[in-house]
Protein backbone atom coordinates (compact mmCIF):
# COMPACT_ATOMS: atom_id res chain seq x y z
CA UNK A 1 -24.10 -11.95 -24.02
CA UNK A 2 -26.06 -8.67 -23.99
CA UNK A 3 -24.96 -5.83 -21.69
CA UNK A 4 -27.29 -2.84 -21.28
CA UNK A 5 -25.62 0.33 -19.97
CA UNK A 6 -27.67 3.09 -18.31
CA UNK A 7 -27.08 6.71 -19.27
CA UNK A 8 -28.22 9.65 -17.12
CA UNK A 9 -27.61 13.37 -17.70
CA UNK A 10 -24.01 13.69 -16.51
CA UNK A 11 -22.94 10.08 -17.08
CA UNK A 12 -19.43 10.07 -18.57
CA UNK A 13 -18.26 6.45 -18.47
CA UNK A 14 -20.89 4.78 -20.64
CA UNK A 15 -18.61 4.56 -23.67
CA UNK A 16 -15.66 3.31 -21.63
CA UNK A 17 -17.98 0.63 -20.26
CA UNK A 18 -19.25 -0.20 -23.72
CA UNK A 19 -15.67 -0.55 -25.00
CA UNK A 20 -14.72 -2.81 -22.08
CA UNK A 21 -17.55 -5.28 -22.55
CA UNK A 22 -17.29 -5.32 -26.33
CA UNK A 23 -13.58 -6.06 -25.93
CA UNK A 24 -14.70 -9.14 -23.98
CA UNK A 25 -17.05 -10.18 -26.78
CA UNK A 26 -20.38 -8.90 -25.45
CA UNK A 27 -23.08 -7.08 -27.37
CA UNK A 28 -23.98 -3.73 -25.80
CA UNK A 29 -26.76 -1.16 -25.77
CA UNK A 30 -26.79 2.27 -24.12
CA UNK A 31 -30.16 3.01 -22.53
CA UNK A 32 -31.32 6.58 -21.82
CA UNK A 33 -32.69 7.15 -18.31
CA UNK A 34 -36.22 7.99 -19.52
CA UNK A 35 -36.81 4.41 -20.69
CA UNK A 36 -39.55 2.64 -18.73
CA UNK A 37 -38.28 -0.90 -19.20
CA UNK A 38 -35.06 -2.87 -19.51
CA UNK A 39 -34.54 -4.62 -22.88
CA UNK A 40 -35.79 -8.18 -22.56
CA UNK A 41 -32.56 -9.68 -23.91
CA UNK A 42 -30.40 -8.03 -21.23
CA UNK A 43 -28.01 -10.41 -19.45
CA UNK A 44 -26.27 -7.71 -17.42
CA UNK A 45 -27.38 -4.18 -16.58
CA UNK A 46 -24.60 -1.69 -15.83
CA UNK A 47 -25.14 1.66 -14.11
CA UNK A 48 -22.09 3.49 -15.43
CA UNK A 49 -19.93 6.07 -13.69
CA UNK A 50 -19.97 9.83 -14.01
CA UNK A 51 -21.84 12.64 -12.33
CA UNK A 52 -25.56 11.97 -12.79
CA UNK A 53 -27.47 15.24 -12.54
CA UNK A 54 -24.17 16.96 -11.71
CA UNK A 55 -24.08 15.26 -8.29
CA UNK A 56 -26.45 17.96 -7.06
CA UNK A 57 -28.15 17.37 -3.70
CA UNK A 58 -26.12 14.20 -3.12
CA UNK A 59 -24.39 11.82 -5.52
CA UNK A 60 -27.00 9.50 -7.03
CA UNK A 61 -29.86 11.00 -5.00
CA UNK A 62 -31.63 12.57 -8.00
CA UNK A 63 -30.90 9.73 -10.42
CA UNK A 64 -32.83 7.30 -8.23
CA UNK A 65 -36.01 9.16 -9.25
CA UNK A 66 -35.38 8.75 -13.00
CA UNK A 67 -38.11 6.75 -14.79
CA UNK A 68 -35.75 3.88 -15.61
CA UNK A 69 -35.00 3.17 -11.93
CA UNK A 70 -38.38 1.52 -11.38
CA UNK A 71 -37.50 -0.87 -14.18
CA UNK A 72 -34.02 -1.38 -12.69
CA UNK A 73 -35.58 -2.32 -9.34
CA UNK A 74 -37.96 -4.77 -10.99
CA UNK A 75 -35.12 -6.27 -13.01
CA UNK A 76 -32.94 -6.71 -9.91
CA UNK A 77 -35.77 -8.07 -7.76
CA UNK A 78 -36.46 -10.67 -10.46
CA UNK A 79 -32.87 -11.90 -10.23
CA UNK A 80 -31.33 -9.85 -13.04
CA UNK A 81 -27.63 -9.09 -12.72
CA UNK A 82 -26.79 -5.43 -12.05
CA UNK A 83 -23.37 -3.76 -11.76
CA UNK A 84 -22.92 -0.20 -10.49
CA UNK A 85 -19.54 1.45 -11.05
CA UNK A 86 -18.58 4.62 -9.12
CA UNK A 87 -21.59 6.92 -9.59
CA UNK A 88 -23.52 3.78 -10.48
CA UNK A 89 -22.65 2.39 -7.04
CA UNK A 90 -23.91 5.63 -5.50
CA UNK A 91 -27.16 5.39 -7.48
CA UNK A 92 -27.75 1.78 -6.38
CA UNK A 93 -27.23 2.61 -2.70
CA UNK A 94 -29.54 5.63 -2.97
CA UNK A 95 -32.17 3.41 -4.60
CA UNK A 96 -31.89 0.86 -1.80
CA UNK A 97 -30.62 -1.91 -4.09
CA UNK A 98 -27.32 -2.09 -2.20
CA UNK A 99 -26.65 -1.57 1.52
CA UNK A 100 -24.78 1.41 2.92
CA UNK A 101 -24.16 4.88 1.53
CA UNK A 102 -21.38 6.87 -0.14
CA UNK A 103 -20.34 10.17 1.40
CA UNK A 104 -17.66 12.80 0.88
CA UNK A 105 -14.05 11.58 0.98
CA UNK A 106 -12.30 12.10 4.30
CA UNK A 107 -9.84 14.53 2.74
CA UNK A 108 -12.66 16.48 1.05
CA UNK A 109 -10.80 16.26 -2.26
CA UNK A 110 -11.50 14.53 -5.55
CA UNK A 111 -9.16 11.53 -5.89
CA UNK A 112 -8.02 10.31 -9.30
CA UNK A 113 -5.26 7.68 -9.46
CA UNK A 114 -4.56 3.97 -9.73
CA UNK A 115 -5.07 2.13 -6.47
CA UNK A 116 -4.71 -1.48 -5.38
CA UNK A 117 -7.65 -3.64 -4.36
CA UNK A 118 -7.76 -7.00 -2.63
CA UNK A 119 -10.37 -9.60 -3.57
CA UNK A 120 -12.14 -10.54 -0.33
CA UNK A 121 -14.85 -12.88 -1.61
CA UNK A 122 -15.16 -14.59 -4.99
CA UNK A 123 -18.26 -16.74 -4.40
CA UNK A 124 -20.17 -14.60 -6.88
CA UNK A 125 -20.46 -14.20 -10.64
CA UNK A 126 -18.58 -10.88 -10.65
CA UNK A 127 -15.27 -12.05 -9.18
CA UNK A 128 -15.41 -15.79 -9.85
CA UNK A 129 -12.47 -15.58 -12.27
CA UNK A 130 -10.25 -14.31 -9.44
CA UNK A 131 -8.96 -15.88 -6.22
CA UNK A 132 -9.52 -14.54 -2.73
CA UNK A 133 -6.47 -12.49 -1.82
CA UNK A 134 -5.67 -11.47 -5.41
CA UNK A 135 -4.37 -7.90 -5.66
CA UNK A 136 -5.62 -5.74 -8.53
CA UNK A 137 -4.50 -2.37 -9.85
CA UNK A 138 -7.62 -0.39 -10.75
CA UNK A 139 -8.16 3.39 -11.21
CA UNK A 140 -10.29 5.35 -8.76
CA UNK A 141 -11.86 8.71 -9.55
CA UNK A 142 -14.32 10.05 -6.99
CA UNK A 143 -15.18 12.82 -4.57
CA UNK A 144 -17.90 10.94 -2.70
CA UNK A 145 -16.37 7.48 -2.43
CA UNK A 146 -16.31 7.13 1.35
CA UNK A 147 -18.43 4.00 1.94
CA UNK A 148 -20.44 4.10 5.15
CA UNK A 149 -22.51 1.49 6.93
CA UNK A 150 -23.34 1.20 10.63
CA UNK A 151 -21.85 -1.46 12.91
CA UNK A 152 -24.82 -3.83 12.65
CA UNK A 153 -24.87 -3.46 8.88
CA UNK A 154 -21.15 -4.19 8.68
CA UNK A 155 -21.59 -7.38 10.69
CA UNK A 156 -24.36 -8.46 8.34
CA UNK A 157 -22.16 -7.81 5.29
CA UNK A 158 -19.41 -9.94 6.82
CA UNK A 159 -21.76 -12.77 7.77
CA UNK A 160 -23.29 -12.91 4.29
CA UNK A 161 -19.99 -12.61 2.37
CA UNK A 162 -21.15 -9.34 0.82
CA UNK A 163 -17.83 -7.48 1.16
CA UNK A 164 -16.13 -8.12 -2.18
CA UNK A 165 -13.18 -5.73 -2.41
CA UNK A 166 -11.03 -3.65 -0.07
CA UNK A 167 -8.53 -0.87 -0.70
CA UNK A 168 -4.94 -2.00 -0.04
CA UNK A 169 -1.36 -1.42 -1.08
CA UNK A 170 0.41 -3.65 -3.60
CA UNK A 171 1.22 -6.15 -0.86
CA UNK A 172 -2.37 -6.49 0.31
CA UNK A 173 -2.05 -4.34 3.42
CA UNK A 174 -4.93 -1.98 4.13
CA UNK A 175 -4.42 1.43 2.51
CA UNK A 176 -7.61 3.45 2.66
CA UNK A 177 -7.73 6.43 0.24
CA UNK A 178 -11.10 7.91 1.20
CA UNK A 179 -12.10 6.85 4.73
CA UNK A 180 -14.43 4.01 3.75
CA UNK A 181 -15.60 1.86 6.66
CA UNK A 182 -13.31 -1.18 6.92
CA UNK A 183 -11.57 0.06 3.73
CA UNK A 184 -14.48 -1.32 1.68
CA UNK A 185 -14.27 -0.69 -2.08
CA UNK A 186 -17.10 -2.94 -3.30
CA UNK A 187 -20.09 -4.90 -2.03
CA UNK A 188 -23.02 -6.95 -3.30
CA UNK A 189 -26.57 -7.57 -2.13
CA UNK A 190 -27.53 -10.62 -0.10
CA UNK A 191 -28.75 -12.46 -3.22
CA UNK A 192 -25.45 -11.78 -5.00
CA UNK A 193 -27.00 -10.46 -8.18
CA UNK A 194 -26.47 -6.71 -7.56
CA UNK A 195 -22.89 -5.46 -7.32
CA UNK A 196 -21.32 -2.07 -6.67
CA UNK A 197 -17.79 -0.72 -6.49
CA UNK A 198 -16.18 2.72 -6.54
CA UNK A 199 -13.06 1.82 -8.61
CA UNK A 200 -13.30 1.73 -12.42
CA UNK A 201 -12.52 -1.70 -13.93
CA UNK A 202 -13.67 -0.42 -17.34
CA UNK A 203 -10.66 1.94 -17.27
CA UNK A 204 -8.24 -0.93 -16.66
CA UNK A 205 -8.57 -2.84 -19.92
CA UNK A 206 -5.23 -1.99 -21.56
CA UNK A 207 -1.79 -2.59 -20.02
CA UNK A 208 -0.51 0.32 -22.14
CA UNK A 209 -2.73 2.64 -20.07
CA UNK A 210 -1.49 1.36 -16.72
CA UNK A 211 -3.37 -1.88 -16.08
CA UNK A 212 -5.50 -4.54 -17.71
CA UNK A 213 -6.71 -6.00 -14.39
CA UNK A 214 -10.23 -4.86 -15.23
CA UNK A 215 -10.41 -7.71 -17.73
CA UNK A 216 -10.11 -10.24 -14.92
CA UNK A 217 -12.95 -8.55 -13.04
CA UNK A 218 -15.49 -8.05 -15.80
CA UNK A 219 -14.76 -11.40 -17.44
CA UNK A 220 -16.78 -13.14 -14.71
CA UNK A 221 -20.01 -11.74 -16.13
CA UNK A 222 -19.15 -12.64 -19.73
CA UNK A 223 -18.07 -16.20 -18.91
CA UNK A 224 -21.29 -16.96 -17.02
């Protein structure tokens, strides 16, 4: 399996992401944002976390104008699998490839800690290795992680099984760290080939570092 990882000015999780997928047996390539096409042998395209363009203007708002994003849109519209993690999630919402938007955390502070997530839907390639209701321990690290979508949009997400993950405590009870609508931590598009989440599964690959639950998440792509 070939995983291509996008790199913008300010990206800081590309090597963590590379390590995670290579640990799972994938071949990886880091692609600079000025590229005008996605490598033809790409099986999964990852928009990695970080602070693209320093999060100036609005997180992900400048990155969506990078040359590579036209190729990302073509790749996604042709059915290619895309995963956006943290800032990558922000970039994908800004580019219109995922519904909703990410805004400043309710507490107006940067949050960096492990947090529990509940799997809401697993009828997709991303979370197929997990069961609905599974509780995961995954790090979060964001300032603009407050997921917003209007009431009609939320109903559409629910109807189409696009809500994938929610923030909870270890027992699966809602525990919302940033104010996200309905405690949403991750969503997908209607075609279930574009995925986004604020937590960092690529930072949860070693039990020695607090959790290896990220393996269970990312393994779905590799075992496709």
